[in-house]
Amino acid sequence: MNRREFKWRVDKLEEELILRAFLHEKKGVSKRLLAAVKYRGGALAVNGQAVTVRHQLQIGDEVTLKLPPENQSELILPENIDLQICYEDLDLLIINKPAQMATMPSMNHPRQTLANAVLFYYKETGTEATFHAVNRLDRGTSGLLIIAKHRYAHDLLSQAQQTGRLTRTYQALVAGTLMDEGIFNAPIGRKPTSIIERMVREDGKKAVTLYKSLASSEGYSLVELSLKTGRTHQIRVHLSGAGFPLLGDELYGGDRSLLDHQALHCNRVKLQHPFTNEPLVIECKSPSSWTPIIRRMNLT
């Protein structure tokens, strides 16, 4: 796939801007990306002619931005692993990540991660890109994970996520009868005795989770959740702290007799496409491993 190229027509409200201001203020091109375009093989042109970022624009000018090539990380080896692709275009890829797959390689999980699988897919499809995850899912959490195919898309999607214009909805199976709907609003910080575990603590960072009970029976609940903030382990910590630990979540007190990983699944993402402005709503069903539990607990 050829490197991504963008073209824009300068309108009356944009005339007499210098190119740098047009790209930063009107098109969300970061200083870091602009430096990469300038020094790492990208290109800028106005009306087909190469220009500097100090070029002054006129109404009707056509601005072209060609992204620089991206080198895949030598530390992440491409691996032939099946991917469930829920959406794909020139700019983004949305994958339904299995629960037992880590997002990125780590000391404990150096191979067989989503990053390994995506880089193999890029290699097979001729996509010149490295791995740009917009959101992260813990190993043990399944569902929709958004991947940008280039750094420009990653910048815009990350901004959308931080400002609430990109939203994610989760489903969870929890112990206890969680009724109706409400808000968990409790700050989260590190647990002093652990480098991994988090906890609710007064000096933690603001964390807000919305919840809605979908069904409750026999001491278990199927719950829908959405995040207003994005703290590490936020849903897991809030549910456990309120007395409703996720099934399978051993780290936060969940019962592992029915499931060997936390019963948390990102089932919906909603966003506006960063370049076409098209509204996108992508959904995927909860894992098949949940089906017998839901039936057994009459959570339908």
C-alpha atoms as a PDB file:
ATOM      1  CA  MET A   1       0.000   0.000   0.000  1.00  0.00           C
ATOM      2  CA  ASN A   2       1.364   3.439  -0.930  1.00  0.00           C
ATOM      3  CA  ARG A   3       2.029   5.908   1.844  1.00  0.00           C
ATOM      4  CA  ARG A   4      -1.036   7.894   2.853  1.00  0.00           C
ATOM      5  CA  GLU A   5      -1.507  11.250   1.183  1.00  0.00           C
ATOM      6  CA  PHE A   6      -3.993  13.976   2.148  1.00  0.00           C
ATOM      7  CA  LYS A   7      -5.294  16.869   0.043  1.00  0.00           C
ATOM      8  CA  TRP A   8      -7.241  19.902   1.261  1.00  0.00           C
ATOM      9  CA  ARG A   9      -8.657  22.984  -0.479  1.00  0.00           C
ATOM     10  CA  VAL A  10      -8.079  26.293   1.323  1.00  0.00           C
ATOM     11  CA  ASP A  11     -11.335  28.180   2.000  1.00  0.00           C
ATOM     12  CA  LYS A  12     -12.053  31.818   2.763  1.00  0.00           C
ATOM     13  CA  LEU A  13     -11.612  31.394   6.529  1.00  0.00           C
ATOM     14  CA  GLU A  14      -8.165  29.856   5.998  1.00  0.00           C
ATOM     15  CA  GLU A  15      -6.651  32.205   3.417  1.00  0.00           C
ATOM     16  CA  GLU A  16      -3.492  34.091   4.374  1.00  0.00           C
ATOM     17  CA  LEU A  17      -2.612  31.536   7.042  1.00  0.00           C
ATOM     18  CA  ILE A  18       0.914  30.238   6.779  1.00  0.00           C
ATOM     19  CA  LEU A  19       1.080  26.532   6.017  1.00  0.00           C
ATOM     20  CA  ARG A  20       2.337  25.620   9.504  1.00  0.00           C
ATOM     21  CA  ALA A  21      -0.667  27.270  11.168  1.00  0.00           C
ATOM     22  CA  PHE A  22      -3.076  25.698   8.667  1.00  0.00           C
ATOM     23  CA  LEU A  23      -1.745  22.217   9.424  1.00  0.00           C
ATOM     24  CA  HIS A  24      -1.555  22.667  13.211  1.00  0.00           C
ATOM     25  CA  GLU A  25      -4.750  24.602  13.846  1.00  0.00           C
ATOM     26  CA  LYS A  26      -7.080  23.419  11.105  1.00  0.00           C
ATOM     27  CA  LYS A  27      -5.940  19.853  10.447  1.00  0.00           C
ATOM     28  CA  GLY A  28      -4.565  18.714  13.810  1.00  0.00           C
ATOM     29  CA  VAL A  29      -1.066  17.913  12.529  1.00  0.00           C
ATOM     30  CA  SER A  30       1.233  17.789  15.559  1.00  0.00           C
ATOM     31  CA  LYS A  31       4.663  19.420  15.681  1.00  0.00           C
ATOM     32  CA  ARG A  32       6.187  15.978  16.025  1.00  0.00           C
ATOM     33  CA  LEU A  33       4.436  14.680  12.907  1.00  0.00           C
ATOM     34  CA  LEU A  34       5.334  17.800  10.944  1.00  0.00           C
ATOM     35  CA  ALA A  35       8.993  17.321  11.888  1.00  0.00           C
ATOM     36  CA  ALA A  36       8.780  13.703  10.701  1.00  0.00           C
ATOM     37  CA  VAL A  37       7.289  14.861   7.389  1.00  0.00           C
ATOM     38  CA  LYS A  38      10.134  17.353   6.980  1.00  0.00           C
ATOM     39  CA  TYR A  39      13.078  15.187   8.005  1.00  0.00           C
ATOM     40  CA  ARG A  40      12.012  11.563   7.458  1.00  0.00           C
ATOM     41  CA  GLY A  41      10.818  11.362   3.897  1.00  0.00           C
ATOM     42  CA  GLY A  42       7.387  12.974   3.868  1.00  0.00           C
ATOM     43  CA  ALA A  43       6.366  15.836   1.600  1.00  0.00           C
ATOM     44  CA  LEU A  44       4.434  19.112   1.639  1.00  0.00           C
ATOM     45  CA  ALA A  45       3.126  20.828  -1.479  1.00  0.00           C
ATOM     46  CA  VAL A  46       0.795  23.645  -2.458  1.00  0.00           C
ATOM     47  CA  ASN A  47      -0.738  23.410  -5.913  1.00  0.00           C
ATOM     48  CA  GLY A  48       1.686  20.625  -6.713  1.00  0.00           C
ATOM     49  CA  GLN A  49       4.812  22.604  -5.802  1.00  0.00           C
ATOM     50  CA  ALA A  50       7.067  21.753  -2.845  1.00  0.00           C
ATOM     51  CA  VAL A  51       6.957  24.496  -0.200  1.00  0.00           C
ATOM     52  CA  THR A  52       8.158  25.218   3.315  1.00  0.00           C
ATOM     53  CA  VAL A  53       5.853  25.530   6.334  1.00  0.00           C
ATOM     54  CA  ARG A  54       6.252  29.332   6.106  1.00  0.00           C
ATOM     55  CA  HIS A  55       4.395  29.472   2.795  1.00  0.00           C
ATOM     56  CA  GLN A  56       1.367  31.795   2.916  1.00  0.00           C
ATOM     57  CA  LEU A  57      -1.850  30.269   1.635  1.00  0.00           C
ATOM     58  CA  GLN A  58      -4.453  31.798  -0.647  1.00  0.00           C
ATOM     59  CA  ILE A  59      -8.097  30.888  -1.077  1.00  0.00           C
ATOM     60  CA  GLY A  60      -8.485  27.966  -3.477  1.00  0.00           C
ATOM     61  CA  ASP A  61      -4.962  26.606  -2.924  1.00  0.00           C
ATOM     62  CA  GLU A  62      -4.653  22.825  -2.816  1.00  0.00           C
ATOM     63  CA  VAL A  63      -2.501  21.633   0.086  1.00  0.00           C
ATOM     64  CA  THR A  64      -0.969  18.148  -0.096  1.00  0.00           C
ATOM     65  CA  LEU A  65       0.556  16.298   2.850  1.00  0.00           C
ATOM     66  CA  LYS A  66       2.336  13.000   2.200  1.00  0.00           C
ATOM     67  CA  LEU A  67       3.202  11.027   5.310  1.00  0.00           C
ATOM     68  CA  PRO A  68       6.741   9.728   5.816  1.00  0.00           C
ATOM     69  CA  PRO A  69       7.464   6.002   5.618  1.00  0.00           C
ATOM     70  CA  GLU A  70       7.093   4.036   8.850  1.00  0.00           C
ATOM     71  CA  ASN A  71       9.577   1.415   9.954  1.00  0.00           C
ATOM     72  CA  GLN A  72       8.194  -1.587  11.805  1.00  0.00           C
ATOM     73  CA  SER A  73       9.721  -2.155  15.221  1.00  0.00           C
ATOM     74  CA  GLU A  74      12.576  -4.665  15.128  1.00  0.00           C
ATOM     75  CA  LEU A  75      11.626  -5.690  18.656  1.00  0.00           C
ATOM     76  CA  ILE A  76       8.186  -6.997  17.588  1.00  0.00           C
ATOM     77  CA  LEU A  77       8.380 -10.011  15.301  1.00  0.00           C
ATOM     78  CA  PRO A  78       5.513 -10.584  12.844  1.00  0.00           C
ATOM     79  CA  GLU A  79       3.666 -13.813  13.673  1.00  0.00           C
ATOM     80  CA  ASN A  80       0.997 -15.600  11.650  1.00  0.00           C
ATOM     81  CA  ILE A  81      -1.943 -15.447  14.073  1.00  0.00           C
ATOM     82  CA  ASP A  82      -5.588 -15.268  13.056  1.00  0.00           C
ATOM     83  CA  LEU A  83      -7.233 -11.882  13.506  1.00  0.00           C
ATOM     84  CA  GLN A  84     -10.940 -11.124  13.782  1.00  0.00           C
ATOM     85  CA  ILE A  85     -11.172  -7.840  11.892  1.00  0.00           C
ATOM     86  CA  CYS A  86     -14.375  -5.906  12.622  1.00  0.00           C
ATOM     87  CA  TYR A  87     -13.556  -2.792  10.576  1.00  0.00           C
ATOM     88  CA  GLU A  88     -10.758  -1.649   8.278  1.00  0.00           C
ATOM     89  CA  ASP A  89      -9.973   1.225   5.923  1.00  0.00           C
ATOM     90  CA  LEU A  90      -6.875   3.158   4.864  1.00  0.00           C
ATOM     91  CA  ASP A  91      -6.490   4.787   8.267  1.00  0.00           C
ATOM     92  CA  LEU A  92      -7.641   2.393  10.970  1.00  0.00           C
ATOM     93  CA  LEU A  93      -8.142  -1.207  11.914  1.00  0.00           C
ATOM     94  CA  ILE A  94     -10.517  -2.431  14.625  1.00  0.00           C
ATOM     95  CA  ILE A  95      -9.871  -5.918  15.994  1.00  0.00           C
ATOM     96  CA  ASN A  96     -11.846  -8.172  18.325  1.00  0.00           C
ATOM     97  CA  LYS A  97      -9.010  -9.214  20.645  1.00  0.00           C
ATOM     98  CA  PRO A  98      -9.266 -12.637  22.323  1.00  0.00           C
ATOM     99  CA  ALA A  99      -9.208 -12.623  26.108  1.00  0.00           C
ATOM    100  CA  GLN A 100      -5.970 -14.552  26.522  1.00  0.00           C
ATOM    101  CA  MET A 101      -3.972 -12.445  24.056  1.00  0.00           C
ATOM    102  CA  ALA A 102      -1.787  -9.615  25.327  1.00  0.00           C
ATOM    103  CA  THR A 103      -1.869  -6.356  23.381  1.00  0.00           C
ATOM    104  CA  MET A 104       1.893  -5.748  23.369  1.00  0.00           C
ATOM    105  CA  PRO A 105       4.924  -7.975  24.029  1.00  0.00           C
ATOM    106  CA  SER A 106       6.250  -7.911  27.579  1.00  0.00           C
ATOM    107  CA  MET A 107       8.653  -9.867  29.729  1.00  0.00           C
ATOM    108  CA  ASN A 108       5.892 -12.310  30.687  1.00  0.00           C
ATOM    109  CA  HIS A 109       4.345 -12.476  27.201  1.00  0.00           C
ATOM    110  CA  PRO A 110       7.072 -11.800  24.608  1.00  0.00           C
ATOM    111  CA  ARG A 111       5.281 -13.521  21.698  1.00  0.00           C
ATOM    112  CA  GLN A 112       1.785 -14.309  20.378  1.00  0.00           C
ATOM    113  CA  THR A 113       0.508 -10.803  21.094  1.00  0.00           C
ATOM    114  CA  LEU A 114      -1.861  -8.649  19.088  1.00  0.00           C
ATOM    115  CA  ALA A 115       1.065  -6.497  17.962  1.00  0.00           C
ATOM    116  CA  ASN A 116       2.848  -9.571  16.551  1.00  0.00           C
ATOM    117  CA  ALA A 117      -0.307 -10.598  14.702  1.00  0.00           C
ATOM    118  CA  VAL A 118      -1.006  -7.140  13.265  1.00  0.00           C
ATOM    119  CA  LEU A 119       2.555  -6.691  11.976  1.00  0.00           C
ATOM    120  CA  PHE A 120       2.283 -10.027  10.151  1.00  0.00           C
ATOM    121  CA  TYR A 121      -1.029  -8.904   8.664  1.00  0.00           C
ATOM    122  CA  TYR A 122       0.552  -5.643   7.520  1.00  0.00           C
ATOM    123  CA  LYS A 123       3.412  -7.574   5.922  1.00  0.00           C
ATOM    124  CA  GLU A 124       1.004  -9.875   4.063  1.00  0.00           C
ATOM    125  CA  THR A 125      -1.163  -6.984   2.826  1.00  0.00           C
ATOM    126  CA  GLY A 126       1.686  -4.648   1.910  1.00  0.00           C
ATOM    127  CA  THR A 127       0.727  -2.072   4.523  1.00  0.00           C
ATOM    128  CA  GLU A 128       3.622   0.256   5.387  1.00  0.00           C
ATOM    129  CA  ALA A 129       2.877   0.758   9.065  1.00  0.00           C
ATOM    130  CA  THR A 130       3.988  -0.078  12.539  1.00  0.00           C
ATOM    131  CA  PHE A 131       1.711  -0.920  15.474  1.00  0.00           C
ATOM    132  CA  HIS A 132      -0.221   2.111  16.805  1.00  0.00           C
ATOM    133  CA  ALA A 133      -2.746   0.987  19.445  1.00  0.00           C
ATOM    134  CA  VAL A 134      -5.236   3.766  20.259  1.00  0.00           C
ATOM    135  CA  ASN A 135      -6.697   1.979  23.278  1.00  0.00           C
ATOM    136  CA  ARG A 136      -5.308  -0.896  25.336  1.00  0.00           C
ATOM    137  CA  LEU A 137      -7.029  -3.959  26.733  1.00  0.00           C
ATOM    138  CA  ASP A 138      -5.520  -5.969  29.578  1.00  0.00           C
ATOM    139  CA  ARG A 139      -4.589  -9.545  28.896  1.00  0.00           C
ATOM    140  CA  GLY A 140      -7.733 -11.363  30.038  1.00  0.00           C
ATOM    141  CA  THR A 141     -10.022  -8.624  28.704  1.00  0.00           C
ATOM    142  CA  SER A 142     -11.504  -9.274  25.275  1.00  0.00           C
ATOM    143  CA  GLY A 143     -13.135  -7.128  22.664  1.00  0.00           C
ATOM    144  CA  LEU A 144     -12.684  -4.178  20.361  1.00  0.00           C
ATOM    145  CA  LEU A 145      -9.273  -2.587  20.095  1.00  0.00           C
ATOM    146  CA  ILE A 146      -8.611   0.331  17.749  1.00  0.00           C
ATOM    147  CA  ILE A 147      -5.358   0.458  15.812  1.00  0.00           C
ATOM    148  CA  ALA A 148      -4.235   3.439  13.743  1.00  0.00           C
ATOM    149  CA  LYS A 149      -2.413   2.626  10.517  1.00  0.00           C
ATOM    150  CA  HIS A 150      -0.233   5.738  10.685  1.00  0.00           C
ATOM    151  CA  ARG A 151       0.870   8.300  13.247  1.00  0.00           C
ATOM    152  CA  TYR A 152      -1.472  11.040  11.969  1.00  0.00           C
ATOM    153  CA  ALA A 153      -4.533   8.847  12.567  1.00  0.00           C
ATOM    154  CA  HIS A 154      -3.109   7.826  15.942  1.00  0.00           C
ATOM    155  CA  ASP A 155      -2.726  11.468  17.011  1.00  0.00           C
ATOM    156  CA  LEU A 156      -6.297  12.402  16.037  1.00  0.00           C
ATOM    157  CA  LEU A 157      -7.900   9.270  17.498  1.00  0.00           C
ATOM    158  CA  SER A 158      -5.978   9.671  20.765  1.00  0.00           C
ATOM    159  CA  GLN A 159      -7.194  13.266  21.026  1.00  0.00           C
ATOM    160  CA  ALA A 160     -10.763  12.107  20.339  1.00  0.00           C
ATOM    161  CA  GLN A 161     -10.487   9.528  23.104  1.00  0.00           C
ATOM    162  CA  GLN A 162      -9.121  12.046  25.605  1.00  0.00           C
ATOM    163  CA  THR A 163     -11.927  14.523  24.873  1.00  0.00           C
ATOM    164  CA  GLY A 164     -14.759  11.968  24.938  1.00  0.00           C
ATOM    165  CA  ARG A 165     -15.435  11.989  21.196  1.00  0.00           C
ATOM    166  CA  LEU A 166     -14.364   8.354  20.988  1.00  0.00           C
ATOM    167  CA  THR A 167     -16.236   6.153  23.447  1.00  0.00           C
ATOM    168  CA  ARG A 168     -16.015   2.492  24.428  1.00  0.00           C
ATOM    169  CA  THR A 169     -18.692   0.375  26.061  1.00  0.00           C
ATOM    170  CA  TYR A 170     -18.021  -2.823  27.983  1.00  0.00           C
ATOM    171  CA  GLN A 171     -19.985  -5.775  29.273  1.00  0.00           C
ATOM    172  CA  ALA A 172     -19.020  -7.648  32.407  1.00  0.00           C
ATOM    173  CA  LEU A 173     -20.124 -10.649  34.452  1.00  0.00           C
ATOM    174  CA  VAL A 174     -19.885  -9.907  38.172  1.00  0.00           C
ATOM    175  CA  ALA A 175     -20.581 -11.583  41.480  1.00  0.00           C
ATOM    176  CA  GLY A 176     -23.432  -9.995  43.395  1.00  0.00           C
ATOM    177  CA  THR A 177     -26.733  -8.423  42.487  1.00  0.00           C
ATOM    178  CA  LEU A 178     -26.001  -5.050  40.967  1.00  0.00           C
ATOM    179  CA  MET A 179     -29.276  -3.218  40.406  1.00  0.00           C
ATOM    180  CA  ASP A 180     -30.374  -0.387  38.137  1.00  0.00           C
ATOM    181  CA  GLU A 181     -27.718   2.076  36.988  1.00  0.00           C
ATOM    182  CA  GLY A 182     -25.334   4.591  38.468  1.00  0.00           C
ATOM    183  CA  ILE A 183     -21.830   6.011  38.659  1.00  0.00           C
ATOM    184  CA  PHE A 184     -18.651   4.837  40.327  1.00  0.00           C
ATOM    185  CA  ASN A 185     -16.703   8.001  41.117  1.00  0.00           C
ATOM    186  CA  ALA A 186     -13.646   7.053  43.146  1.00  0.00           C
ATOM    187  CA  PRO A 187      -9.983   8.010  42.602  1.00  0.00           C
ATOM    188  CA  ILE A 188      -7.578   5.224  41.693  1.00  0.00           C
ATOM    189  CA  GLY A 189      -3.881   4.830  42.449  1.00  0.00           C
ATOM    190  CA  ARG A 190      -1.247   2.145  42.841  1.00  0.00           C
ATOM    191  CA  LYS A 191      -1.484  -0.339  45.670  1.00  0.00           C
ATOM    192  CA  PRO A 192       1.612   0.290  47.807  1.00  0.00           C
ATOM    193  CA  THR A 193       2.505  -3.404  47.996  1.00  0.00           C
ATOM    194  CA  SER A 194       2.250  -4.109  44.257  1.00  0.00           C
ATOM    195  CA  ILE A 195       3.683  -2.782  40.990  1.00  0.00           C
ATOM    196  CA  ILE A 196       0.654  -4.123  39.088  1.00  0.00           C
ATOM    197  CA  GLU A 197      -2.417  -3.835  41.300  1.00  0.00           C
ATOM    198  CA  ARG A 198      -4.426  -0.637  41.693  1.00  0.00           C
ATOM    199  CA  MET A 199      -6.843   0.415  44.396  1.00  0.00           C
ATOM    200  CA  VAL A 200      -9.300   3.139  45.334  1.00  0.00           C
ATOM    201  CA  ARG A 201      -7.378   5.723  47.342  1.00  0.00           C
ATOM    202  CA  GLU A 202      -8.029   9.352  48.271  1.00  0.00           C
ATOM    203  CA  ASP A 203      -4.784  10.604  46.709  1.00  0.00           C
ATOM    204  CA  GLY A 204      -5.350   8.688  43.472  1.00  0.00           C
ATOM    205  CA  LYS A 205      -6.283  10.084  40.065  1.00  0.00           C
ATOM    206  CA  LYS A 206      -9.891  10.943  39.264  1.00  0.00           C
ATOM    207  CA  ALA A 207     -11.738   7.910  37.875  1.00  0.00           C
ATOM    208  CA  VAL A 208     -15.381   7.800  36.744  1.00  0.00           C
ATOM    209  CA  THR A 209     -17.234   4.728  35.452  1.00  0.00           C
ATOM    210  CA  LEU A 210     -20.890   4.599  34.410  1.00  0.00           C
ATOM    211  CA  TYR A 211     -22.726   1.304  34.925  1.00  0.00           C
ATOM    212  CA  LYS A 212     -26.079  -0.199  34.043  1.00  0.00           C
ATOM    213  CA  SER A 213     -27.374  -3.580  35.146  1.00  0.00           C
ATOM    214  CA  LEU A 214     -28.624  -5.602  32.170  1.00  0.00           C
ATOM    215  CA  ALA A 215     -29.714  -8.685  34.143  1.00  0.00           C
ATOM    216  CA  SER A 216     -29.346 -10.140  37.649  1.00  0.00           C
ATOM    217  CA  SER A 217     -30.071 -13.624  38.953  1.00  0.00           C
ATOM    218  CA  GLU A 218     -28.791 -16.102  41.540  1.00  0.00           C
ATOM    219  CA  GLY A 219     -26.237 -13.691  42.953  1.00  0.00           C
ATOM    220  CA  TYR A 220     -24.667 -12.729  39.620  1.00  0.00           C
ATOM    221  CA  SER A 221     -25.143  -9.787  37.251  1.00  0.00           C
ATOM    222  CA  LEU A 222     -24.532  -8.914  33.630  1.00  0.00           C
ATOM    223  CA  VAL A 223     -23.480  -5.280  33.539  1.00  0.00           C
ATOM    224  CA  GLU A 224     -22.840  -2.636  30.889  1.00  0.00           C
ATOM    225  CA  LEU A 225     -20.116  -0.090  31.638  1.00  0.00           C
ATOM    226  CA  SER A 226     -18.599   2.958  29.994  1.00  0.00           C
ATOM    227  CA  LEU A 227     -15.572   5.004  30.935  1.00  0.00           C
ATOM    228  CA  LYS A 228     -15.400   8.733  31.536  1.00  0.00           C
ATOM    229  CA  THR A 229     -11.712   8.449  32.399  1.00  0.00           C
ATOM    230  CA  GLY A 230      -9.104   5.873  31.421  1.00  0.00           C
ATOM    231  CA  ARG A 231      -7.195   4.693  34.471  1.00  0.00           C
ATOM    232  CA  THR A 232      -5.319   1.402  34.555  1.00  0.00           C
ATOM    233  CA  HIS A 233      -7.668  -1.441  35.626  1.00  0.00           C
ATOM    234  CA  GLN A 234     -10.398   1.164  36.199  1.00  0.00           C
ATOM    235  CA  ILE A 235     -13.468  -1.043  35.700  1.00  0.00           C
ATOM    236  CA  ARG A 236     -11.899  -3.927  37.602  1.00  0.00           C
ATOM    237  CA  VAL A 237     -10.976  -1.727  40.564  1.00  0.00           C
ATOM    238  CA  HIS A 238     -14.314   0.104  40.726  1.00  0.00           C
ATOM    239  CA  LEU A 239     -16.385  -3.077  40.592  1.00  0.00           C
ATOM    240  CA  SER A 240     -14.214  -4.881  43.118  1.00  0.00           C
ATOM    241  CA  GLY A 241     -14.169  -1.866  45.429  1.00  0.00           C
ATOM    242  CA  ALA A 242     -17.966  -1.722  45.357  1.00  0.00           C
ATOM    243  CA  GLY A 243     -18.246  -5.417  46.240  1.00  0.00           C
ATOM    244  CA  PHE A 244     -18.958  -6.762  42.734  1.00  0.00           C
ATOM    245  CA  PRO A 245     -15.729  -8.379  41.514  1.00  0.00           C
ATOM    246  CA  LEU A 246     -15.537  -9.622  37.941  1.00  0.00           C
ATOM    247  CA  LEU A 247     -15.849 -13.355  37.521  1.00  0.00           C
ATOM    248  CA  GLY A 248     -12.416 -14.824  36.880  1.00  0.00           C
ATOM    249  CA  ASP A 249     -10.523 -11.743  38.062  1.00  0.00           C
ATOM    250  CA  GLU A 250      -8.131 -13.326  40.541  1.00  0.00           C
ATOM    251  CA  LEU A 251      -6.137 -10.104  40.984  1.00  0.00           C
ATOM    252  CA  TYR A 252      -9.204  -8.302  42.366  1.00  0.00           C
ATOM    253  CA  GLY A 253     -10.963 -11.070  44.238  1.00  0.00           C
ATOM    254  CA  GLY A 254     -13.013 -12.675  41.455  1.00  0.00           C
ATOM    255  CA  ASP A 255     -14.202 -16.287  41.494  1.00  0.00           C
ATOM    256  CA  ARG A 256     -12.206 -18.385  38.979  1.00  0.00           C
ATOM    257  CA  SER A 257     -14.346 -21.507  39.198  1.00  0.00           C
ATOM    258  CA  LEU A 258     -16.380 -20.517  36.123  1.00  0.00           C
ATOM    259  CA  LEU A 259     -13.820 -18.571  34.096  1.00  0.00           C
ATOM    260  CA  ASP A 260     -10.020 -18.379  34.182  1.00  0.00           C
ATOM    261  CA  HIS A 261      -9.766 -14.695  33.213  1.00  0.00           C
ATOM    262  CA  GLN A 262     -11.671 -11.508  34.051  1.00  0.00           C
ATOM    263  CA  ALA A 263     -15.142 -11.478  32.470  1.00  0.00           C
ATOM    264  CA  LEU A 264     -14.749  -8.091  30.795  1.00  0.00           C
ATOM    265  CA  HIS A 265     -15.427  -7.455  27.110  1.00  0.00           C
ATOM    266  CA  CYS A 266     -15.342  -4.242  25.047  1.00  0.00           C
ATOM    267  CA  ASN A 267     -18.429  -4.760  22.917  1.00  0.00           C
ATOM    268  CA  ARG A 268     -18.900  -1.341  21.287  1.00  0.00           C
ATOM    269  CA  VAL A 269     -16.808   1.579  20.091  1.00  0.00           C
ATOM    270  CA  LYS A 270     -18.311   4.800  18.807  1.00  0.00           C
ATOM    271  CA  LEU A 271     -16.341   7.490  17.008  1.00  0.00           C
ATOM    272  CA  GLN A 272     -16.275   9.974  14.192  1.00  0.00           C
ATOM    273  CA  HIS A 273     -13.812   9.004  11.490  1.00  0.00           C
ATOM    274  CA  PRO A 274     -10.840  11.388  11.815  1.00  0.00           C
ATOM    275  CA  PHE A 275     -10.678  12.155   8.070  1.00  0.00           C
ATOM    276  CA  THR A 276     -14.077  11.455   6.515  1.00  0.00           C
ATOM    277  CA  ASN A 277     -16.072  12.632   9.585  1.00  0.00           C
ATOM    278  CA  GLU A 278     -18.312   9.587   9.085  1.00  0.00           C
ATOM    279  CA  PRO A 279     -19.908   8.381  12.343  1.00  0.00           C
ATOM    280  CA  LEU A 280     -18.803   4.833  13.112  1.00  0.00           C
ATOM    281  CA  VAL A 281     -20.380   2.431  15.589  1.00  0.00           C
ATOM    282  CA  ILE A 282     -18.660  -0.970  15.688  1.00  0.00           C
ATOM    283  CA  GLU A 283     -20.034  -3.791  17.838  1.00  0.00           C
ATOM    284  CA  CYS A 284     -19.088  -7.367  18.637  1.00  0.00           C
ATOM    285  CA  LYS A 285     -20.785 -10.033  20.732  1.00  0.00           C
ATOM    286  CA  SER A 286     -19.465 -11.263  24.060  1.00  0.00           C
ATOM    287  CA  PRO A 287     -17.153 -14.311  23.909  1.00  0.00           C
ATOM    288  CA  SER A 288     -18.647 -17.762  23.421  1.00  0.00           C
ATOM    289  CA  SER A 289     -17.079 -18.782  26.747  1.00  0.00           C
ATOM    290  CA  TRP A 290     -19.652 -16.561  28.455  1.00  0.00           C
ATOM    291  CA  THR A 291     -22.666 -18.285  26.893  1.00  0.00           C
ATOM    292  CA  PRO A 292     -22.944 -21.293  29.266  1.00  0.00           C
ATOM    293  CA  ILE A 293     -22.410 -19.016  32.274  1.00  0.00           C
ATOM    294  CA  ILE A 294     -25.126 -16.610  31.149  1.00  0.00           C
ATOM    295  CA  ARG A 295     -27.516 -19.513  30.554  1.00  0.00           C
ATOM    296  CA  ARG A 296     -26.666 -21.179  33.826  1.00  0.00           C
ATOM    297  CA  MET A 297     -27.214 -17.976  35.798  1.00  0.00           C
ATOM    298  CA  ASN A 298     -30.363 -17.050  33.815  1.00  0.00           C
ATOM    299  CA  LEU A 299     -28.781 -13.738  32.811  1.00  0.00           C
ATOM    300  CA  THR A 300     -30.739 -13.328  29.587  1.00  0.00           C
END
